[in-house]
PDB file of N, CA and C in Angstrom:
ATOM      1  N   UNK A   1     116.400  22.105 -46.436  1.00  0.00           N
ATOM      2  CA  UNK A   1     115.053  22.234 -45.608  1.00  0.00           C
ATOM      3  C   UNK A   1     114.331  23.726 -46.217  1.00  0.00           C
ATOM      4  N   UNK A   2     113.352  23.911 -46.616  1.00  0.00           N
ATOM      5  CA  UNK A   2     112.681  25.497 -46.630  1.00  0.00           C
ATOM      6  C   UNK A   2     111.966  25.597 -45.308  1.00  0.00           C
ATOM      7  N   UNK A   3     111.654  26.676 -45.550  1.00  0.00           N
ATOM      8  CA  UNK A   3     111.394  27.216 -44.002  1.00  0.00           C
ATOM      9  C   UNK A   3     110.762  28.505 -44.237  1.00  0.00           C
ATOM     10  N   UNK A   4     109.598  28.671 -43.669  1.00  0.00           N
ATOM     11  CA  UNK A   4     108.630  30.148 -43.832  1.00  0.00           C
ATOM     12  C   UNK A   4     108.819  30.950 -42.735  1.00  0.00           C
ATOM     13  N   UNK A   5     108.224  32.292 -42.938  1.00  0.00           N
ATOM     14  CA  UNK A   5     108.185  33.074 -41.694  1.00  0.00           C
ATOM     15  C   UNK A   5     106.979  32.775 -40.717  1.00  0.00           C
ATOM     16  N   UNK A   6     107.465  33.554 -39.880  1.00  0.00           N
ATOM     17  CA  UNK A   6     106.339  33.650 -38.823  1.00  0.00           C
ATOM     18  C   UNK A   6     104.647  34.131 -39.654  1.00  0.00           C
ATOM     19  N   UNK A   7     105.170  35.130 -40.214  1.00  0.00           N
ATOM     20  CA  UNK A   7     103.957  35.632 -40.867  1.00  0.00           C
ATOM     21  C   UNK A   7     102.898  34.560 -41.716  1.00  0.00           C
ATOM     22  N   UNK A   8     103.873  34.110 -42.437  1.00  0.00           N
ATOM     23  CA  UNK A   8     103.317  32.951 -43.454  1.00  0.00           C
ATOM     24  C   UNK A   8     102.517  31.998 -42.749  1.00  0.00           C
ATOM     25  N   UNK A   9     103.189  31.500 -41.515  1.00  0.00           N
ATOM     26  CA  UNK A   9     102.610  30.132 -40.892  1.00  0.00           C
ATOM     27  C   UNK A   9     101.671  30.968 -39.995  1.00  0.00           C
ATOM     28  N   UNK A  10     101.312  31.966 -39.813  1.00  0.00           N
ATOM     29  CA  UNK A  10     100.258  32.479 -38.740  1.00  0.00           C
ATOM     30  C   UNK A  10      98.931  32.720 -40.234  1.00  0.00           C
ATOM     31  N   UNK A  11      99.188  33.022 -40.848  1.00  0.00           N
ATOM     32  CA  UNK A  11      98.518  32.985 -42.485  1.00  0.00           C
ATOM     33  C   UNK A  11      98.026  31.342 -42.821  1.00  0.00           C
ATOM     34  N   UNK A  12      98.969  30.422 -42.821  1.00  0.00           N
ATOM     35  CA  UNK A  12      98.823  29.015 -42.865  1.00  0.00           C
ATOM     36  C   UNK A  12      97.868  28.765 -42.273  1.00  0.00           C
ATOM     37  N   UNK A  13      98.070  29.012 -40.741  1.00  0.00           N
ATOM     38  CA  UNK A  13      97.647  28.404 -39.788  1.00  0.00           C
ATOM     39  C   UNK A  13      96.466  28.656 -39.087  1.00  0.00           C
ATOM     40  N   UNK A  14      95.795  29.722 -39.872  1.00  0.00           N
ATOM     41  CA  UNK A  14      94.654  30.956 -39.048  1.00  0.00           C
ATOM     42  C   UNK A  14      95.229  31.548 -37.573  1.00  0.00           C
ATOM     43  N   UNK A  15      96.364  31.504 -37.069  1.00  0.00           N
ATOM     44  CA  UNK A  15      96.524  32.209 -35.779  1.00  0.00           C
ATOM     45  C   UNK A  15      97.036  33.074 -35.833  1.00  0.00           C
ATOM     46  N   UNK A  16      97.499  34.226 -35.269  1.00  0.00           N
ATOM     47  CA  UNK A  16      98.332  35.362 -35.224  1.00  0.00           C
ATOM     48  C   UNK A  16     100.155  34.828 -35.188  1.00  0.00           C
ATOM     49  N   UNK A  17     100.156  36.006 -35.340  1.00  0.00           N
ATOM     50  CA  UNK A  17     101.991  36.077 -35.334  1.00  0.00           C
ATOM     51  C   UNK A  17     102.542  36.069 -33.978  1.00  0.00           C
ATOM     52  N   UNK A  18     102.159  36.750 -32.972  1.00  0.00           N
ATOM     53  CA  UNK A  18     102.563  36.549 -31.729  1.00  0.00           C
ATOM     54  C   UNK A  18     102.371  35.184 -31.285  1.00  0.00           C
ATOM     55  N   UNK A  19     100.859  34.229 -31.213  1.00  0.00           N
ATOM     56  CA  UNK A  19     100.682  32.573 -30.884  1.00  0.00           C
ATOM     57  C   UNK A  19     102.184  32.044 -31.780  1.00  0.00           C
ATOM     58  N   UNK A  20     102.358  32.406 -33.302  1.00  0.00           N
ATOM     59  CA  UNK A  20     103.298  31.544 -33.410  1.00  0.00           C
ATOM     60  C   UNK A  20     104.598  32.139 -32.749  1.00  0.00           C
ATOM     61  N   UNK A  21     104.992  32.810 -32.510  1.00  0.00           N
ATOM     62  CA  UNK A  21     106.274  33.100 -31.833  1.00  0.00           C
ATOM     63  C   UNK A  21     106.567  33.213 -30.492  1.00  0.00           C
ATOM     64  N   UNK A  22     105.474  32.351 -30.115  1.00  0.00           N
ATOM     65  CA  UNK A  22     105.044  31.971 -28.270  1.00  0.00           C
ATOM     66  C   UNK A  22     105.128  30.448 -28.524  1.00  0.00           C
ATOM     67  N   UNK A  23     104.819  29.599 -29.406  1.00  0.00           N
ATOM     68  CA  UNK A  23     104.812  28.448 -29.584  1.00  0.00           C
ATOM     69  C   UNK A  23     106.383  27.983 -30.077  1.00  0.00           C
ATOM     70  N   UNK A  24     106.781  28.929 -31.092  1.00  0.00           N
ATOM     71  CA  UNK A  24     108.335  28.788 -31.411  1.00  0.00           C
ATOM     72  C   UNK A  24     109.270  28.779 -29.858  1.00  0.00           C
ATOM     73  N   UNK A  25     108.627  29.958 -29.110  1.00  0.00           N
ATOM     74  CA  UNK A  25     109.800  29.859 -28.025  1.00  0.00           C
ATOM     75  C   UNK A  25     109.764  28.732 -27.065  1.00  0.00           C
ATOM     76  N   UNK A  26     108.460  28.182 -26.938  1.00  0.00           N
ATOM     77  CA  UNK A  26     107.763  27.162 -26.049  1.00  0.00           C
ATOM     78  C   UNK A  26     108.954  25.707 -26.799  1.00  0.00           C
ATOM     79  N   UNK A  27     109.039  26.107 -27.904  1.00  0.00           N
ATOM     80  CA  UNK A  27     109.628  24.907 -28.370  1.00  0.00           C
ATOM     81  C   UNK A  27     108.985  23.666 -28.787  1.00  0.00           C
ATOM     82  N   UNK A  28     107.578  24.394 -29.317  1.00  0.00           N
ATOM     83  CA  UNK A  28     106.228  23.219 -29.860  1.00  0.00           C
ATOM     84  C   UNK A  28     106.441  23.182 -30.647  1.00  0.00           C
ATOM     85  N   UNK A  29     106.683  23.796 -31.715  1.00  0.00           N
ATOM     86  CA  UNK A  29     106.786  23.217 -33.343  1.00  0.00           C
ATOM     87  C   UNK A  29     107.880  22.477 -33.793  1.00  0.00           C
ATOM     88  N   UNK A  30     108.065  21.546 -34.474  1.00  0.00           N
ATOM     89  CA  UNK A  30     109.437  20.876 -34.616  1.00  0.00           C
ATOM     90  C   UNK A  30     110.069  21.398 -35.725  1.00  0.00           C
ATOM     91  N   UNK A  31     111.489  21.558 -35.915  1.00  0.00           N
ATOM     92  CA  UNK A  31     112.336  21.985 -36.367  1.00  0.00           C
ATOM     93  C   UNK A  31     112.249  23.422 -36.420  1.00  0.00           C
ATOM     94  N   UNK A  32     111.558  23.734 -35.312  1.00  0.00           N
ATOM     95  CA  UNK A  32     112.077  25.107 -36.025  1.00  0.00           C
ATOM     96  C   UNK A  32     113.780  25.553 -35.331  1.00  0.00           C
ATOM     97  N   UNK A  33     114.068  27.155 -35.993  1.00  0.00           N
ATOM     98  CA  UNK A  33     115.432  27.284 -35.989  1.00  0.00           C
ATOM     99  C   UNK A  33     115.188  29.281 -35.753  1.00  0.00           C
ATOM    100  N   UNK A  34     116.247  29.425 -34.786  1.00  0.00           N
ATOM    101  CA  UNK A  34     116.557  31.054 -34.751  1.00  0.00           C
ATOM    102  C   UNK A  34     117.833  31.614 -35.331  1.00  0.00           C
ATOM    103  N   UNK A  35     117.544  32.149 -35.894  1.00  0.00           N
ATOM    104  CA  UNK A  35     118.255  33.231 -36.647  1.00  0.00           C
ATOM    105  C   UNK A  35     118.506  34.356 -36.273  1.00  0.00           C
ATOM    106  N   UNK A  36     118.823  34.488 -35.676  1.00  0.00           N
ATOM    107  CA  UNK A  36     119.195  36.265 -35.122  1.00  0.00           C
ATOM    108  C   UNK A  36     117.927  36.462 -34.049  1.00  0.00           C
ATOM    109  N   UNK A  37     116.913  37.934 -34.847  1.00  0.00           N
ATOM    110  CA  UNK A  37     115.752  37.767 -33.877  1.00  0.00           C
ATOM    111  C   UNK A  37     114.489  37.264 -34.994  1.00  0.00           C
ATOM    112  N   UNK A  38     115.286  36.061 -35.815  1.00  0.00           N
ATOM    113  CA  UNK A  38     113.852  36.118 -36.796  1.00  0.00           C
ATOM    114  C   UNK A  38     113.937  34.806 -36.442  1.00  0.00           C
ATOM    115  N   UNK A  39     112.254  33.505 -36.151  1.00  0.00           N
ATOM    116  CA  UNK A  39     112.250  32.212 -36.284  1.00  0.00           C
ATOM    117  C   UNK A  39     112.352  31.683 -37.730  1.00  0.00           C
ATOM    118  N   UNK A  40     112.683  30.640 -37.981  1.00  0.00           N
ATOM    119  CA  UNK A  40     112.993  30.101 -39.262  1.00  0.00           C
ATOM    120  C   UNK A  40     111.944  28.663 -38.972  1.00  0.00           C
ATOM    121  N   UNK A  41     110.770  28.426 -39.691  1.00  0.00           N
ATOM    122  CA  UNK A  41     109.580  27.251 -39.176  1.00  0.00           C
ATOM    123  C   UNK A  41     109.850  26.355 -40.448  1.00  0.00           C
ATOM    124  N   UNK A  42     109.671  25.364 -40.598  1.00  0.00           N
ATOM    125  CA  UNK A  42     109.922  24.383 -41.900  1.00  0.00           C
ATOM    126  C   UNK A  42     108.479  24.710 -42.481  1.00  0.00           C
ATOM    127  N   UNK A  43     108.785  24.299 -43.745  1.00  0.00           N
ATOM    128  CA  UNK A  43     107.740  24.601 -44.549  1.00  0.00           C
ATOM    129  C   UNK A  43     106.928  23.885 -44.335  1.00  0.00           C
ATOM    130  N   UNK A  44     107.251  22.507 -43.995  1.00  0.00           N
ATOM    131  CA  UNK A  44     106.112  21.261 -43.659  1.00  0.00           C
ATOM    132  C   UNK A  44     105.897  21.070 -42.137  1.00  0.00           C
ATOM    133  N   UNK A  45     106.301  21.878 -41.292  1.00  0.00           N
ATOM    134  CA  UNK A  45     105.500  21.742 -40.247  1.00  0.00           C
ATOM    135  C   UNK A  45     104.233  21.611 -40.111  1.00  0.00           C
ATOM    136  N   UNK A  46     103.820  21.173 -38.704  1.00  0.00           N
ATOM    137  CA  UNK A  46     102.332  21.037 -38.282  1.00  0.00           C
ATOM    138  C   UNK A  46     101.888  21.793 -37.478  1.00  0.00           C
ATOM    139  N   UNK A  47     100.643  21.977 -37.711  1.00  0.00           N
ATOM    140  CA  UNK A  47     100.171  23.194 -35.874  1.00  0.00           C
ATOM    141  C   UNK A  47     100.334  22.615 -34.945  1.00  0.00           C
ATOM    142  N   UNK A  48     100.644  22.740 -34.138  1.00  0.00           N
ATOM    143  CA  UNK A  48     100.388  22.160 -32.759  1.00  0.00           C
ATOM    144  C   UNK A  48      99.224  22.228 -32.352  1.00  0.00           C
ATOM    145  N   UNK A  49      99.100  21.381 -31.632  1.00  0.00           N
ATOM    146  CA  UNK A  49      97.685  21.160 -31.319  1.00  0.00           C
ATOM    147  C   UNK A  49      97.652  21.754 -30.079  1.00  0.00           C
ATOM    148  N   UNK A  50      96.031  23.263 -29.513  1.00  0.00           N
ATOM    149  CA  UNK A  50      96.288  24.067 -28.971  1.00  0.00           C
ATOM    150  C   UNK A  50      95.954  23.577 -27.226  1.00  0.00           C
ATOM    151  N   UNK A  51      97.127  23.570 -26.138  1.00  0.00           N
ATOM    152  CA  UNK A  51      96.989  22.991 -25.073  1.00  0.00           C
ATOM    153  C   UNK A  51      96.658  23.975 -24.478  1.00  0.00           C
ATOM    154  N   UNK A  52      96.035  24.977 -24.868  1.00  0.00           N
ATOM    155  CA  UNK A  52      95.640  26.289 -23.877  1.00  0.00           C
ATOM    156  C   UNK A  52      94.114  25.802 -23.070  1.00  0.00           C
ATOM    157  N   UNK A  53      93.877  25.967 -22.257  1.00  0.00           N
ATOM    158  CA  UNK A  53      92.760  26.044 -21.224  1.00  0.00           C
ATOM    159  C   UNK A  53      91.449  26.253 -22.121  1.00  0.00           C
ATOM    160  N   UNK A  54      90.405  25.729 -22.461  1.00  0.00           N
ATOM    161  CA  UNK A  54      89.721  26.259 -23.138  1.00  0.00           C
ATOM    162  C   UNK A  54      87.822  25.909 -22.409  1.00  0.00           C
ATOM    163  N   UNK A  55      88.405  25.467 -21.338  1.00  0.00           N
ATOM    164  CA  UNK A  55      87.004  24.751 -20.246  1.00  0.00           C
ATOM    165  C   UNK A  55      87.066  25.845 -19.848  1.00  0.00           C
ATOM    166  N   UNK A  56      87.900  26.530 -19.206  1.00  0.00           N
ATOM    167  CA  UNK A  56      87.445  27.539 -17.852  1.00  0.00           C
ATOM    168  C   UNK A  56      87.745  27.495 -16.890  1.00  0.00           C
ATOM    169  N   UNK A  57      88.295  25.959 -16.768  1.00  0.00           N
ATOM    170  CA  UNK A  57      88.278  25.553 -15.438  1.00  0.00           C
ATOM    171  C   UNK A  57      89.618  24.865 -15.074  1.00  0.00           C
ATOM    172  N   UNK A  58      90.687  25.320 -13.978  1.00  0.00           N
ATOM    173  CA  UNK A  58      91.977  25.244 -13.949  1.00  0.00           C
ATOM    174  C   UNK A  58      92.368  23.754 -13.090  1.00  0.00           C
ATOM    175  N   UNK A  59      92.903  22.981 -13.629  1.00  0.00           N
ATOM    176  CA  UNK A  59      93.178  21.760 -12.761  1.00  0.00           C
ATOM    177  C   UNK A  59      94.516  22.289 -11.935  1.00  0.00           C
ATOM    178  N   UNK A  60      93.936  21.689 -10.669  1.00  0.00           N
ATOM    179  CA  UNK A  60      94.830  21.590  -9.063  1.00  0.00           C
ATOM    180  C   UNK A  60      95.510  21.284  -9.854  1.00  0.00           C
ATOM    181  N   UNK A  61      97.197  21.707  -8.983  1.00  0.00           N
ATOM    182  CA  UNK A  61      98.484  21.158  -8.917  1.00  0.00           C
ATOM    183  C   UNK A  61      98.371  20.263  -7.685  1.00  0.00           C
ATOM    184  N   UNK A  62      99.277  19.725  -7.156  1.00  0.00           N
ATOM    185  CA  UNK A  62      99.204  18.850  -5.991  1.00  0.00           C
ATOM    186  C   UNK A  62      99.529  19.453  -4.530  1.00  0.00           C
ATOM    187  N   UNK A  63     100.458  20.865  -4.855  1.00  0.00           N
ATOM    188  CA  UNK A  63     100.916  21.220  -4.000  1.00  0.00           C
ATOM    189  C   UNK A  63      99.791  21.896  -3.313  1.00  0.00           C
ATOM    190  N   UNK A  64      98.179  22.166  -4.132  1.00  0.00           N
ATOM    191  CA  UNK A  64      97.101  23.164  -3.829  1.00  0.00           C
ATOM    192  C   UNK A  64      96.157  22.217  -2.702  1.00  0.00           C
TER     193      UNK A  64
END
């Protein structure tokens, strides 16, 4: 399997390297592997859907 770096994925998907790191640590990119201090992202991995809040409205939890 071929892998790309965080920088290559950031350029490919049009998002920041830091955001890619967060997606990797959250396990949101399929097939990602940690090699020491470096993330290895499969070359054919798809950009995950942005699950962050976009409307500015927060969903209330059941506890509130």
